C-alpha atoms as a PDB file:
ATOM      1  CA  MET A   1     -22.453  -7.867  10.583  1.00  0.00           C
ATOM      2  CA  LYS A   2     -19.385  -6.889  12.140  1.00  0.00           C
ATOM      3  CA  VAL A   3     -16.192  -6.483  11.164  1.00  0.00           C
ATOM      4  CA  LEU A   4     -12.783  -6.973  12.513  1.00  0.00           C
ATOM      5  CA  PHE A   5      -9.655  -5.216  11.071  1.00  0.00           C
ATOM      6  CA  LEU A   6      -6.398  -6.734  12.367  1.00  0.00           C
ATOM      7  CA  PHE A   7      -3.532  -4.223  11.547  1.00  0.00           C
ATOM      8  CA  SER A   8       0.525  -5.051  11.398  1.00  0.00           C
ATOM      9  CA  ARG A   9       1.149  -1.979  12.709  1.00  0.00           C
ATOM     10  CA  PRO A  10       0.106   0.476  15.860  1.00  0.00           C
ATOM     11  CA  ARG A  11      -3.101   2.417  14.267  1.00  0.00           C
ATOM     12  CA  ILE A  12      -4.291   3.660  17.884  1.00  0.00           C
ATOM     13  CA  GLU A  13      -2.992   7.075  17.900  1.00  0.00           C
ATOM     14  CA  GLN A  14      -3.549   7.294  14.182  1.00  0.00           C
ATOM     15  CA  ALA A  15      -7.374   6.394  14.705  1.00  0.00           C
ATOM     16  CA  LYS A  16      -7.538   8.859  17.594  1.00  0.00           C
ATOM     17  CA  ASN A  17      -5.753  11.713  15.037  1.00  0.00           C
ATOM     18  CA  PHE A  18      -8.526  10.959  11.792  1.00  0.00           C
ATOM     19  CA  GLU A  19     -11.830  10.997  14.363  1.00  0.00           C
ATOM     20  CA  SER A  20     -10.487  14.099  15.899  1.00  0.00           C
ATOM     21  CA  GLY A  21     -10.434  15.587  12.232  1.00  0.00           C
ATOM     22  CA  LYS A  22      -6.715  15.499  11.079  1.00  0.00           C
ATOM     23  CA  GLY A  23      -4.827  13.241   8.543  1.00  0.00           C
ATOM     24  CA  HIS A  24      -6.676  10.793   6.593  1.00  0.00           C
ATOM     25  CA  ASP A  25      -7.860   7.155   7.006  1.00  0.00           C
ATOM     26  CA  ASN A  26      -5.694   5.519   3.950  1.00  0.00           C
ATOM     27  CA  HIS A  27      -4.037   3.173   6.591  1.00  0.00           C
ATOM     28  CA  PHE A  28      -7.128   2.093   7.455  1.00  0.00           C
ATOM     29  CA  ILE A  29      -8.107   0.296   4.297  1.00  0.00           C
ATOM     30  CA  GLY A  30     -11.734   1.268   4.857  1.00  0.00           C
ATOM     31  CA  MET A  31     -12.855   0.583   8.208  1.00  0.00           C
ATOM     32  CA  TYR A  32     -14.408   4.213   8.602  1.00  0.00           C
ATOM     33  CA  ARG A  33     -16.361   4.164   5.357  1.00  0.00           C
ATOM     34  CA  ILE A  34     -17.552   0.740   4.960  1.00  0.00           C
ATOM     35  CA  ARG A  35     -20.086   1.565   7.883  1.00  0.00           C
ATOM     36  CA  LYS A  36     -22.440   3.609   6.276  1.00  0.00           C
ATOM     37  CA  TYR A  37     -23.382   0.385   4.370  1.00  0.00           C
ATOM     38  CA  GLY A  38     -24.552  -1.328   7.213  1.00  0.00           C
ATOM     39  CA  ILE A  39     -21.090  -2.893   8.708  1.00  0.00           C
ATOM     40  CA  GLU A  40     -19.934  -2.334  12.281  1.00  0.00           C
ATOM     41  CA  THR A  41     -16.282  -2.073  11.956  1.00  0.00           C
ATOM     42  CA  ASN A  42     -13.755  -2.309  14.928  1.00  0.00           C
ATOM     43  CA  PHE A  43      -9.997  -2.517  14.880  1.00  0.00           C
ATOM     44  CA  PHE A  44      -7.440  -4.403  17.607  1.00  0.00           C
ATOM     45  CA  ASP A  45      -3.794  -3.963  18.254  1.00  0.00           C
ATOM     46  CA  PRO A  46      -2.098  -5.727  21.276  1.00  0.00           C
ATOM     47  CA  GLU A  47      -2.009  -2.505  22.744  1.00  0.00           C
ATOM     48  CA  HIS A  48      -5.300  -2.516  23.479  1.00  0.00           C
ATOM     49  CA  ILE A  49      -4.159  -4.726  25.956  1.00  0.00           C
ATOM     50  CA  LEU A  50      -0.527  -4.279  26.759  1.00  0.00           C
ATOM     51  CA  PRO A  51       1.352  -1.756  28.558  1.00  0.00           C
ATOM     52  CA  ASN A  52       3.057  -0.291  25.222  1.00  0.00           C
ATOM     53  CA  PRO A  53       6.435  -0.951  26.156  1.00  0.00           C
ATOM     54  CA  VAL A  54       5.119  -4.973  26.406  1.00  0.00           C
ATOM     55  CA  ALA A  55       3.562  -4.443  23.559  1.00  0.00           C
ATOM     56  CA  LYS A  56       6.540  -3.304  21.656  1.00  0.00           C
ATOM     57  CA  VAL A  57       8.284  -6.510  22.378  1.00  0.00           C
ATOM     58  CA  TRP A  58       5.573  -8.489  21.838  1.00  0.00           C
ATOM     59  CA  ARG A  59       5.851  -7.332  18.457  1.00  0.00           C
ATOM     60  CA  ARG A  60       8.939  -7.374  17.916  1.00  0.00           C
ATOM     61  CA  ILE A  61       9.089 -11.249  19.447  1.00  0.00           C
ATOM     62  CA  LEU A  62       6.216 -12.727  17.676  1.00  0.00           C
ATOM     63  CA  ASN A  63       5.811 -10.273  14.212  1.00  0.00           C
ATOM     64  CA  ILE A  64       2.805  -9.549  12.110  1.00  0.00           C
ATOM     65  CA  PHE A  65       1.975 -13.518  11.405  1.00  0.00           C
ATOM     66  CA  TRP A  66       2.124 -14.734  15.168  1.00  0.00           C
ATOM     67  CA  MET A  67       1.029 -11.482  17.588  1.00  0.00           C
ATOM     68  CA  HIS A  68      -3.095 -11.895  17.633  1.00  0.00           C
ATOM     69  CA  LEU A  69      -2.823 -15.678  18.089  1.00  0.00           C
ATOM     70  CA  PRO A  70      -2.659 -15.095  21.555  1.00  0.00           C
ATOM     71  CA  PHE A  71      -6.272 -13.076  21.744  1.00  0.00           C
ATOM     72  CA  PHE A  72      -8.252 -15.140  19.243  1.00  0.00           C
ATOM     73  CA  PRO A  73     -11.125 -15.970  21.315  1.00  0.00           C
ATOM     74  CA  TYR A  74     -11.611 -11.872  21.130  1.00  0.00           C
ATOM     75  CA  PHE A  75     -11.962 -12.587  17.130  1.00  0.00           C
ATOM     76  CA  PHE A  76     -15.600 -14.518  17.866  1.00  0.00           C
ATOM     77  CA  LYS A  77     -17.841 -11.582  18.663  1.00  0.00           C
ATOM     78  CA  TYR A  78     -17.307 -10.772  14.657  1.00  0.00           C
ATOM     79  CA  ASP A  79     -18.667 -12.186  11.603  1.00  0.00           C
ATOM     80  CA  ILE A  80     -15.323 -11.472   9.422  1.00  0.00           C
ATOM     81  CA  VAL A  81     -11.384 -11.003  10.117  1.00  0.00           C
ATOM     82  CA  PHE A  82     -10.596  -8.729   7.450  1.00  0.00           C
ATOM     83  CA  THR A  83      -6.390  -8.271   7.794  1.00  0.00           C
ATOM     84  CA  GLY A  84      -2.941  -8.332   5.613  1.00  0.00           C
ATOM     85  CA  GLY A  85      -1.183 -10.094   8.242  1.00  0.00           C
ATOM     86  CA  ALA A  86      -1.961 -12.701  11.139  1.00  0.00           C
ATOM     87  CA  TYR A  87      -1.214 -16.185   8.861  1.00  0.00           C
ATOM     88  CA  ALA A  88      -0.959 -18.041  12.599  1.00  0.00           C
ATOM     89  CA  SER A  89      -4.749 -16.912  13.419  1.00  0.00           C
ATOM     90  CA  LEU A  90      -5.969 -18.436   9.974  1.00  0.00           C
ATOM     91  CA  LEU A  91      -3.882 -21.396  10.122  1.00  0.00           C
ATOM     92  CA  PHE A  92      -5.099 -22.072  13.624  1.00  0.00           C
ATOM     93  CA  LYS A  93      -8.647 -21.503  12.294  1.00  0.00           C
ATOM     94  CA  ALA A  94      -7.849 -23.693   9.267  1.00  0.00           C
ATOM     95  CA  ILE A  95      -6.160 -26.681  11.674  1.00  0.00           C
ATOM     96  CA  PHE A  96      -9.291 -26.142  13.898  1.00  0.00           C
ATOM     97  CA  HIS A  97     -12.237 -26.121  11.079  1.00  0.00           C
ATOM     98  CA  LEU A  98     -13.725 -23.372  12.758  1.00  0.00           C
ATOM     99  CA  PRO A  99     -16.456 -22.179  10.631  1.00  0.00           C
ATOM    100  CA  ARG A 100     -16.399 -18.453  11.857  1.00  0.00           C
ATOM    101  CA  PRO A 101     -15.288 -16.209  12.094  1.00  0.00           C
ATOM    102  CA  LYS A 102     -14.968 -15.874   8.086  1.00  0.00           C
ATOM    103  CA  TRP A 103     -11.275 -15.077   7.283  1.00  0.00           C
ATOM    104  CA  VAL A 104     -10.869 -11.981   4.169  1.00  0.00           C
ATOM    105  CA  ILE A 105      -7.376 -11.661   3.193  1.00  0.00           C
ATOM    106  CA  TYR A 106      -6.005  -7.954   1.996  1.00  0.00           C
ATOM    107  CA  ASP A 107      -3.337  -8.938  -0.294  1.00  0.00           C
ATOM    108  CA  ALA A 108      -0.133  -7.379  -0.878  1.00  0.00           C
ATOM    109  CA  ASN A 109       1.338  -9.789  -2.268  1.00  0.00           C
ATOM    110  CA  ILE A 110       0.296 -13.840  -1.684  1.00  0.00           C
ATOM    111  CA  THR A 111       1.323 -15.422  -5.064  1.00  0.00           C
ATOM    112  CA  GLY A 112       4.927 -14.590  -4.858  1.00  0.00           C
ATOM    113  CA  THR A 113       5.333 -15.070  -1.551  1.00  0.00           C
ATOM    114  CA  ILE A 114       4.243 -18.501  -2.048  1.00  0.00           C
ATOM    115  CA  GLU A 115       6.360 -19.183  -5.330  1.00  0.00           C
ATOM    116  CA  LYS A 116       9.399 -18.046  -3.676  1.00  0.00           C
ATOM    117  CA  GLU A 117      10.573 -20.894  -1.923  1.00  0.00           C
ATOM    118  CA  LYS A 118       8.987 -24.290  -1.221  1.00  0.00           C
ATOM    119  CA  THR A 119       9.459 -24.402   2.644  1.00  0.00           C
ATOM    120  CA  LEU A 120       7.803 -26.055   5.442  1.00  0.00           C
ATOM    121  CA  ARG A 121       6.969 -22.419   6.120  1.00  0.00           C
ATOM    122  CA  THR A 122       5.690 -21.308   2.442  1.00  0.00           C
ATOM    123  CA  LYS A 123       3.784 -24.744   2.878  1.00  0.00           C
ATOM    124  CA  LEU A 124       1.653 -24.061   5.707  1.00  0.00           C
ATOM    125  CA  PHE A 125       1.492 -20.538   4.470  1.00  0.00           C
ATOM    126  CA  LYS A 126      -0.263 -21.798   1.367  1.00  0.00           C
ATOM    127  CA  TYR A 127      -2.734 -23.966   3.307  1.00  0.00           C
ATOM    128  CA  ALA A 128      -3.686 -21.227   5.202  1.00  0.00           C
ATOM    129  CA  VAL A 129      -4.740 -18.824   2.554  1.00  0.00           C
ATOM    130  CA  SER A 130      -6.624 -22.198   0.701  1.00  0.00           C
ATOM    131  CA  LYS A 131      -8.582 -22.358   3.278  1.00  0.00           C
ATOM    132  CA  ALA A 132     -10.182 -18.116   3.382  1.00  0.00           C
ATOM    133  CA  ASP A 133     -13.290 -17.211   3.196  1.00  0.00           C
ATOM    134  CA  GLY A 134     -11.873 -14.495   0.393  1.00  0.00           C
ATOM    135  CA  ILE A 135      -9.184 -12.460  -0.489  1.00  0.00           C
ATOM    136  CA  VAL A 136      -8.964  -8.855  -1.720  1.00  0.00           C
ATOM    137  CA  ALA A 137      -6.302  -8.406  -4.550  1.00  0.00           C
ATOM    138  CA  LEU A 138      -4.380  -5.340  -5.258  1.00  0.00           C
ATOM    139  CA  SER A 139      -3.803  -5.467  -8.770  1.00  0.00           C
ATOM    140  CA  GLN A 140      -5.418  -7.308 -11.652  1.00  0.00           C
ATOM    141  CA  ALA A 141      -2.312  -9.411 -12.074  1.00  0.00           C
ATOM    142  CA  GLU A 142      -2.233 -10.947  -8.763  1.00  0.00           C
ATOM    143  CA  GLU A 143      -6.190 -11.456  -8.898  1.00  0.00           C
ATOM    144  CA  ASP A 144      -5.326 -13.886 -12.553  1.00  0.00           C
ATOM    145  CA  SER A 145      -2.427 -15.246  -9.969  1.00  0.00           C
ATOM    146  CA  LEU A 146      -5.062 -15.614  -7.333  1.00  0.00           C
ATOM    147  CA  ARG A 147      -7.497 -17.617  -9.546  1.00  0.00           C
ATOM    148  CA  LYS A 148      -5.048 -19.513 -10.862  1.00  0.00           C
ATOM    149  CA  MET A 149      -3.197 -21.124  -8.318  1.00  0.00           C
ATOM    150  CA  PHE A 150      -6.558 -21.704  -6.069  1.00  0.00           C
ATOM    151  CA  PRO A 151      -8.812 -22.721  -9.068  1.00  0.00           C
ATOM    152  CA  TYR A 152     -11.523 -22.921  -6.742  1.00  0.00           C
ATOM    153  CA  MET A 153     -11.907 -19.936  -5.228  1.00  0.00           C
ATOM    154  CA  GLY A 154     -13.458 -18.197  -8.223  1.00  0.00           C
ATOM    155  CA  GLU A 155     -14.851 -14.586  -7.952  1.00  0.00           C
ATOM    156  CA  ARG A 156     -14.112 -14.984  -3.777  1.00  0.00           C
ATOM    157  CA  ALA A 157     -10.409 -13.482  -4.671  1.00  0.00           C
ATOM    158  CA  LYS A 158     -11.464 -10.076  -6.186  1.00  0.00           C
ATOM    159  CA  PHE A 159      -9.509  -7.095  -7.191  1.00  0.00           C
ATOM    160  CA  LEU A 160     -10.071  -3.629  -5.905  1.00  0.00           C
ATOM    161  CA  PHE A 161      -8.022  -0.793  -6.292  1.00  0.00           C
ATOM    162  CA  GLU A 162      -6.780   0.598  -2.889  1.00  0.00           C
ATOM    163  CA  GLY A 163      -8.336   3.446  -2.264  1.00  0.00           C
ATOM    164  CA  VAL A 164      -7.073   7.114  -1.568  1.00  0.00           C
ATOM    165  CA  ASP A 165      -8.745  10.039   0.046  1.00  0.00           C
ATOM    166  CA  THR A 166      -9.563  12.428  -3.166  1.00  0.00           C
ATOM    167  CA  LYS A 167     -10.684  15.115  -0.838  1.00  0.00           C
ATOM    168  CA  TYR A 168      -7.396  15.303   1.326  1.00  0.00           C
ATOM    169  CA  PHE A 169      -5.136  14.221  -1.188  1.00  0.00           C
ATOM    170  CA  THR A 170      -6.393  17.026  -4.403  1.00  0.00           C
ATOM    171  CA  PRO A 171      -4.512  19.002  -7.032  1.00  0.00           C
ATOM    172  CA  SER A 172      -3.422  22.730  -5.099  1.00  0.00           C
ATOM    173  CA  ASP A 173      -3.344  26.128  -7.173  1.00  0.00           C
ATOM    174  CA  THR A 174       0.610  26.381  -5.007  1.00  0.00           C
ATOM    175  CA  GLU A 175       3.379  27.400  -7.693  1.00  0.00           C
ATOM    176  CA  GLU A 176       5.643  24.335  -8.326  1.00  0.00           C
ATOM    177  CA  GLY A 177       8.507  24.191  -5.931  1.00  0.00           C
ATOM    178  CA  ASP A 178      11.912  23.555  -7.911  1.00  0.00           C
ATOM    179  CA  TYR A 179      12.496  19.985  -6.792  1.00  0.00           C
ATOM    180  CA  ILE A 180      11.680  16.395  -7.541  1.00  0.00           C
ATOM    181  CA  ILE A 181      10.423  13.934  -4.572  1.00  0.00           C
ATOM    182  CA  SER A 182      10.314  10.084  -3.975  1.00  0.00           C
ATOM    183  CA  VAL A 183       8.201   8.483  -1.108  1.00  0.00           C
ATOM    184  CA  GLY A 184       8.513   5.426   1.000  1.00  0.00           C
ATOM    185  CA  LEU A 185       9.236   3.374   4.152  1.00  0.00           C
ATOM    186  CA  ASP A 186       9.577  -0.429   3.266  1.00  0.00           C
ATOM    187  CA  PRO A 187      12.283  -2.094   1.769  1.00  0.00           C
ATOM    188  CA  SER A 188      11.199  -2.719  -1.573  1.00  0.00           C
ATOM    189  CA  ARG A 189      12.381   1.057  -2.104  1.00  0.00           C
ATOM    190  CA  ASP A 190      15.320   1.097  -4.819  1.00  0.00           C
ATOM    191  CA  PHE A 191      16.603   4.721  -3.688  1.00  0.00           C
ATOM    192  CA  GLY A 192      20.046   3.271  -4.849  1.00  0.00           C
ATOM    193  CA  THR A 193      19.323   3.816  -8.469  1.00  0.00           C
ATOM    194  CA  LEU A 194      17.640   7.347  -8.109  1.00  0.00           C
ATOM    195  CA  ILE A 195      20.540   8.524  -5.992  1.00  0.00           C
ATOM    196  CA  GLU A 196      23.019   7.459  -9.036  1.00  0.00           C
ATOM    197  CA  ALA A 197      20.631   9.136 -10.967  1.00  0.00           C
ATOM    198  CA  MET A 198      20.875  12.158  -9.222  1.00  0.00           C
ATOM    199  CA  LYS A 199      24.524  12.798  -9.304  1.00  0.00           C
ATOM    200  CA  GLY A 200      24.074  13.579 -12.904  1.00  0.00           C
ATOM    201  CA  LEU A 201      21.645  16.544 -12.702  1.00  0.00           C
ATOM    202  CA  PRO A 202      22.635  18.611  -9.982  1.00  0.00           C
ATOM    203  CA  GLU A 203      20.626  21.598 -11.060  1.00  0.00           C
ATOM    204  CA  ILE A 204      17.334  19.332  -9.841  1.00  0.00           C
ATOM    205  CA  GLN A 205      16.683  19.102  -6.763  1.00  0.00           C
ATOM    206  CA  LEU A 206      15.676  15.347  -4.301  1.00  0.00           C
ATOM    207  CA  HIS A 207      14.054  15.311  -1.228  1.00  0.00           C
ATOM    208  CA  ILE A 208      13.324  11.859  -0.382  1.00  0.00           C
ATOM    209  CA  ALA A 209      11.026  10.905   2.630  1.00  0.00           C
ATOM    210  CA  THR A 210      11.941   8.053   4.183  1.00  0.00           C
ATOM    211  CA  LYS A 211      13.457   6.665   7.847  1.00  0.00           C
ATOM    212  CA  PRO A 212      16.622   7.966   7.186  1.00  0.00           C
ATOM    213  CA  GLU A 213      18.122   4.625   7.985  1.00  0.00           C
ATOM    214  CA  ARG A 214      16.837   3.953   4.603  1.00  0.00           C
ATOM    215  CA  VAL A 215      19.162   5.871   3.020  1.00  0.00           C
ATOM    216  CA  ALA A 216      22.143   5.434   5.189  1.00  0.00           C
ATOM    217  CA  GLN A 217      24.157   3.327   2.955  1.00  0.00           C
ATOM    218  CA  TYR A 218      24.199   5.749  -0.138  1.00  0.00           C
ATOM    219  CA  GLU A 219      26.151   8.478   2.350  1.00  0.00           C
ATOM    220  CA  PRO A 220      27.135  10.754   2.068  1.00  0.00           C
ATOM    221  CA  LEU A 221      24.472  11.479  -0.061  1.00  0.00           C
ATOM    222  CA  PRO A 222      25.279  13.854  -3.069  1.00  0.00           C
ATOM    223  CA  LYS A 223      24.126  18.417  -2.500  1.00  0.00           C
ATOM    224  CA  ASN A 224      20.833  17.865  -4.533  1.00  0.00           C
ATOM    225  CA  VAL A 225      19.282  14.540  -2.161  1.00  0.00           C
ATOM    226  CA  THR A 226      17.990  15.276   0.883  1.00  0.00           C
ATOM    227  CA  ALA A 227      15.971  12.450   2.946  1.00  0.00           C
ATOM    228  CA  ARG A 228      13.683  12.750   5.944  1.00  0.00           C
ATOM    229  CA  PHE A 229      10.947  11.877   8.014  1.00  0.00           C
ATOM    230  CA  TYR A 230       7.643  13.626   7.476  1.00  0.00           C
ATOM    231  CA  THR A 231       4.449  13.668   9.417  1.00  0.00           C
ATOM    232  CA  HIS A 232       1.249  13.136   7.267  1.00  0.00           C
ATOM    233  CA  GLU A 233       0.718  16.886   7.077  1.00  0.00           C
ATOM    234  CA  GLU A 234       3.866  17.704   5.495  1.00  0.00           C
ATOM    235  CA  MET A 235       3.819  15.071   3.322  1.00  0.00           C
ATOM    236  CA  LYS A 236       0.769  17.135   1.708  1.00  0.00           C
ATOM    237  CA  LYS A 237       2.472  20.132   1.208  1.00  0.00           C
ATOM    238  CA  LEU A 238       5.449  18.352   0.061  1.00  0.00           C
ATOM    239  CA  TYR A 239       3.308  16.448  -2.808  1.00  0.00           C
ATOM    240  CA  ASN A 240       1.644  19.934  -3.327  1.00  0.00           C
ATOM    241  CA  ARG A 241       4.461  21.458  -4.655  1.00  0.00           C
ATOM    242  CA  ALA A 242       7.024  19.244  -6.126  1.00  0.00           C
ATOM    243  CA  ARG A 243       6.939  18.552 -10.069  1.00  0.00           C
ATOM    244  CA  ILE A 244       7.295  14.885 -10.406  1.00  0.00           C
ATOM    245  CA  ASN A 245       6.879  12.129  -7.568  1.00  0.00           C
ATOM    246  CA  ILE A 246       9.587   9.098  -8.479  1.00  0.00           C
ATOM    247  CA  VAL A 247       8.764   5.645  -7.224  1.00  0.00           C
ATOM    248  CA  GLY A 248      11.511   3.655  -7.223  1.00  0.00           C
ATOM    249  CA  LEU A 249      11.124  -0.207  -6.334  1.00  0.00           C
ATOM    250  CA  ASN A 250      13.790  -3.184  -6.348  1.00  0.00           C
ATOM    251  CA  MET A 251      11.242  -5.732  -7.338  1.00  0.00           C
ATOM    252  CA  LYS A 252      10.933  -7.921 -10.749  1.00  0.00           C
ATOM    253  CA  GLU A 253       8.136  -6.860 -13.247  1.00  0.00           C
ATOM    254  CA  ASP A 254       6.865 -10.442 -12.829  1.00  0.00           C
ATOM    255  CA  ASN A 255       6.513  -9.762  -9.594  1.00  0.00           C
ATOM    256  CA  ASN A 256       3.528  -9.331  -8.130  1.00  0.00           C
ATOM    257  CA  ASP A 257       3.602  -7.237  -4.951  1.00  0.00           C
ATOM    258  CA  SER A 258       1.915  -3.698  -4.646  1.00  0.00           C
ATOM    259  CA  MET A 259       4.788  -2.294  -2.761  1.00  0.00           C
ATOM    260  CA  GLY A 260       4.587   1.318  -4.345  1.00  0.00           C
ATOM    261  CA  THR A 261       0.626   1.620  -4.576  1.00  0.00           C
ATOM    262  CA  TYR A 262      -0.116   3.708  -1.669  1.00  0.00           C
ATOM    263  CA  VAL A 263       2.380   6.101  -2.647  1.00  0.00           C
ATOM    264  CA  VAL A 264       1.505   6.240  -6.281  1.00  0.00           C
ATOM    265  CA  ILE A 265      -2.182   6.523  -5.777  1.00  0.00           C
ATOM    266  CA  GLU A 266      -1.811   9.625  -3.158  1.00  0.00           C
ATOM    267  CA  ALA A 267       0.725  11.133  -5.675  1.00  0.00           C
ATOM    268  CA  MET A 268      -2.393  10.488  -8.686  1.00  0.00           C
ATOM    269  CA  ALA A 269      -4.970  12.504  -6.449  1.00  0.00           C
ATOM    270  CA  SER A 270      -2.664  14.858  -6.139  1.00  0.00           C
ATOM    271  CA  GLY A 271      -2.134  15.051 -10.052  1.00  0.00           C
ATOM    272  CA  LYS A 272       1.203  15.028  -9.760  1.00  0.00           C
ATOM    273  CA  ALA A 273       3.760  13.451 -12.635  1.00  0.00           C
ATOM    274  CA  ILE A 274       4.420  10.185 -11.549  1.00  0.00           C
ATOM    275  CA  ILE A 275       7.812   8.115 -12.674  1.00  0.00           C
ATOM    276  CA  ALA A 276       7.823   4.349 -11.772  1.00  0.00           C
ATOM    277  CA  THR A 277       9.648   1.302 -11.994  1.00  0.00           C
ATOM    278  CA  LYS A 278       7.072  -1.053 -14.126  1.00  0.00           C
ATOM    279  CA  THR A 279       6.034  -3.777 -11.727  1.00  0.00           C
ATOM    280  CA  LYS A 280       2.718  -6.082 -12.125  1.00  0.00           C
ATOM    281  CA  ALA A 281       1.055  -4.247  -9.905  1.00  0.00           C
ATOM    282  CA  LEU A 282       1.688  -0.608 -10.876  1.00  0.00           C
ATOM    283  CA  SER A 283       0.429  -1.453 -13.957  1.00  0.00           C
ATOM    284  CA  SER A 284      -3.472  -1.826 -12.503  1.00  0.00           C
ATOM    285  CA  TYR A 285      -3.069   2.022 -11.303  1.00  0.00           C
ATOM    286  CA  ILE A 286       0.077   3.975 -14.419  1.00  0.00           C
ATOM    287  CA  GLN A 287      -0.379   3.795 -18.022  1.00  0.00           C
ATOM    288  CA  ASP A 288       2.788   4.507 -19.765  1.00  0.00           C
ATOM    289  CA  GLY A 289       2.615   7.927 -21.177  1.00  0.00           C
ATOM    290  CA  LYS A 290      -0.428   8.561 -20.502  1.00  0.00           C
ATOM    291  CA  ASN A 291      -1.053   8.973 -16.247  1.00  0.00           C
ATOM    292  CA  GLY A 292       2.519   8.040 -15.744  1.00  0.00           C
ATOM    293  CA  VAL A 293       6.090   7.540 -16.929  1.00  0.00           C
ATOM    294  CA  PHE A 294       7.596   3.766 -16.334  1.00  0.00           C
ATOM    295  CA  VAL A 295      11.472   2.952 -16.128  1.00  0.00           C
ATOM    296  CA  PRO A 296      12.736  -0.520 -16.351  1.00  0.00           C
ATOM    297  CA  LYS A 297      14.286  -1.498 -13.068  1.00  0.00           C
ATOM    298  CA  HIS A 298      17.769  -0.431 -11.528  1.00  0.00           C
ATOM    299  CA  ASP A 299      18.466   1.611 -15.141  1.00  0.00           C
ATOM    300  CA  VAL A 300      20.381   4.828 -14.240  1.00  0.00           C
ATOM    301  CA  LYS A 301      20.413   6.096 -17.795  1.00  0.00           C
ATOM    302  CA  ALA A 302      16.487   5.556 -17.991  1.00  0.00           C
ATOM    303  CA  MET A 303      15.577   7.032 -14.930  1.00  0.00           C
ATOM    304  CA  GLN A 304      18.230  10.255 -15.399  1.00  0.00           C
ATOM    305  CA  LYS A 305      16.802  10.974 -18.645  1.00  0.00           C
ATOM    306  CA  ALA A 306      12.971  10.369 -17.500  1.00  0.00           C
ATOM    307  CA  ILE A 307      13.132  13.225 -14.903  1.00  0.00           C
ATOM    308  CA  ARG A 308      14.984  15.572 -16.674  1.00  0.00           C
ATOM    309  CA  ASP A 309      12.718  15.523 -19.883  1.00  0.00           C
ATOM    310  CA  LEU A 310       9.617  15.212 -17.875  1.00  0.00           C
ATOM    311  CA  TYR A 311      11.110  18.196 -15.470  1.00  0.00           C
ATOM    312  CA  ASN A 312      12.250  20.297 -17.893  1.00  0.00           C
ATOM    313  CA  ASN A 313       8.509  19.829 -19.408  1.00  0.00           C
ATOM    314  CA  GLU A 314       5.426  21.343 -17.559  1.00  0.00           C
ATOM    315  CA  ASN A 315       3.063  20.720 -20.522  1.00  0.00           C
ATOM    316  CA  LYS A 316       4.081  16.645 -20.321  1.00  0.00           C
ATOM    317  CA  ARG A 317       3.566  16.711 -16.217  1.00  0.00           C
ATOM    318  CA  LYS A 318       0.273  18.822 -16.308  1.00  0.00           C
ATOM    319  CA  PHE A 319      -1.442  16.443 -18.937  1.00  0.00           C
ATOM    320  CA  LEU A 320       0.360  13.656 -17.152  1.00  0.00           C
ATOM    321  CA  GLY A 321      -1.212  14.986 -13.866  1.00  0.00           C
ATOM    322  CA  LYS A 322      -4.674  15.580 -14.386  1.00  0.00           C
ATOM    323  CA  ASN A 323      -4.828  12.387 -16.283  1.00  0.00           C
ATOM    324  CA  ALA A 324      -3.583  10.821 -13.072  1.00  0.00           C
ATOM    325  CA  ARG A 325      -6.100  12.705 -10.951  1.00  0.00           C
ATOM    326  CA  ASP A 326      -9.032  11.897 -13.182  1.00  0.00           C
ATOM    327  CA  PHE A 327      -7.656   8.488 -13.454  1.00  0.00           C
ATOM    328  CA  VAL A 328      -8.043   8.218  -9.717  1.00  0.00           C
ATOM    329  CA  VAL A 329     -11.023   9.850  -8.881  1.00  0.00           C
ATOM    330  CA  LYS A 330     -13.038   7.078 -11.476  1.00  0.00           C
ATOM    331  CA  ASN A 331     -11.207   4.252  -9.938  1.00  0.00           C
ATOM    332  CA  ALA A 332      -9.545   4.201  -6.913  1.00  0.00           C
ATOM    333  CA  ASP A 333     -11.236   7.110  -5.083  1.00  0.00           C
ATOM    334  CA  ALA A 334     -11.874   5.745  -1.108  1.00  0.00           C
ATOM    335  CA  GLU A 335     -15.724   6.070  -1.269  1.00  0.00           C
ATOM    336  CA  ILE A 336     -15.763   3.213  -4.155  1.00  0.00           C
ATOM    337  CA  TYR A 337     -13.086   1.127  -2.505  1.00  0.00           C
ATOM    338  CA  ALA A 338     -15.227   1.732   0.578  1.00  0.00           C
ATOM    339  CA  ARG A 339     -18.603   0.896  -1.533  1.00  0.00           C
ATOM    340  CA  GLU A 340     -17.028  -2.531  -3.618  1.00  0.00           C
ATOM    341  CA  LEU A 341     -15.551  -3.633  -0.228  1.00  0.00           C
ATOM    342  CA  SER A 342     -18.431  -3.656   1.794  1.00  0.00           C
ATOM    343  CA  LYS A 343     -20.605  -5.211  -1.934  1.00  0.00           C
ATOM    344  CA  PHE A 344     -17.615  -8.246  -1.254  1.00  0.00           C
ATOM    345  CA  LEU A 345     -17.896  -8.307   2.245  1.00  0.00           C
ATOM    346  CA  LYS A 346     -21.179  -8.921   2.479  1.00  0.00           C
ATOM    347  CA  LYS A 347     -21.312 -11.620  -0.011  1.00  0.00           C
ATOM    348  CA  ILE A 348     -18.683 -13.330   1.902  1.00  0.00           C
ATOM    349  CA  HIS A 349     -21.113 -13.055   4.561  1.00  0.00           C
ATOM    350  CA  ASN A 350     -23.486 -14.577   3.127  1.00  0.00           C
ATOM    351  CA  SER A 351     -21.944 -17.365   1.580  1.00  0.00           C
END
C-alpha cells in the first residue's frame, strides 16, 4: 500500500533535517513511522517541481486549497492521499467520481468551518468532505460532530490523539528557570489576554515563541515580556527550563478547532505544567486540575491568578507535569499514533 502525504507548508527542508538526525518528525503526522507497518509513504510539495521563488508565488496565489490540484495526475501512483488541505483536489475527485486514490482527511476543524457560514464555498467544501473515504479527527468532540453531520461515515470518521516524539520532548534534569513561556505561530493565539495579565505580574518573565508580527499590535511590550522566533533545538531548551507553558486561544469553548494541541502535547511530553484556554479540542488532552489548568477565554484576571498560583507552587507544577507526561506516554506518543493510523489507513484501503 502506498500513501501520499500532502502538507499545507513546505516540508522539503524539514525532511532533510530529520533524515539527517536533526529535530523531530511531529509535523510529518506519522509519515515516517507508519513505514514499519508495511506502508510505503512519500510526500509532495510544489517545490519538488517548481523553483522556490515560483513555488512561493504559487502558494500565495492558489493557497492551501488549490495549490496541489494541477499536480493531480501524480496522485494516481498512490492508493491513498492523506492531507489536511488540498480540498480543491478532493472536490475534483468527487465531481468526476474517481475511485482512486482514496482520500483521507487530517481534520483540524472541518465541522467548525462548514457551520461557520452558509456560502457557496462552504457548501462545496461540505460536498467534498462528504465524499472523503476517511477522516482522522484530532479530538473526541470533532469525531462526535463528524458522525452527526455525516452519519453514513460511521467508523470512517475516527479520533486519534496527535502524536508527539516523547524521546525528543522529554523531562530534563535541568533546573527550572525563572520564566514562563507561550508558544504559537497561528492567528488563533490569544497573546493579548496573556500580555495584559503579565502587566500585573512584573516579577515573572514571559518568553513568547512566535513571529514578531503576531505581537506587533501589543507593542511596546511590558518589560517582563519578550517575543521572538525560536528554532526546534532552541524550543526544546525553552520547554525544559520553563516553569509553565501558557496556551491562550481566541476560540470559543464550543469550537472543535484543534489549534493548540501540538504545543500542548509537546509541553506535556516535556513534563511541564500547562495553563490553557478551555476548548472542546483541548478537553480531549487536558483534565483540569489533574494534568493541566483551564482558564476561560479572554479572562485576564483568571489568567493572572492561574499564573501566580502555579508559578509559586512547585509541588503543584511537579504534580501536573508528571501527570501530563504520563498521559502523553499512554495516549499520544508518536508510536501509538503511528500504529493506530496504520490500522485506520489499511481499513480504508481494504474497504
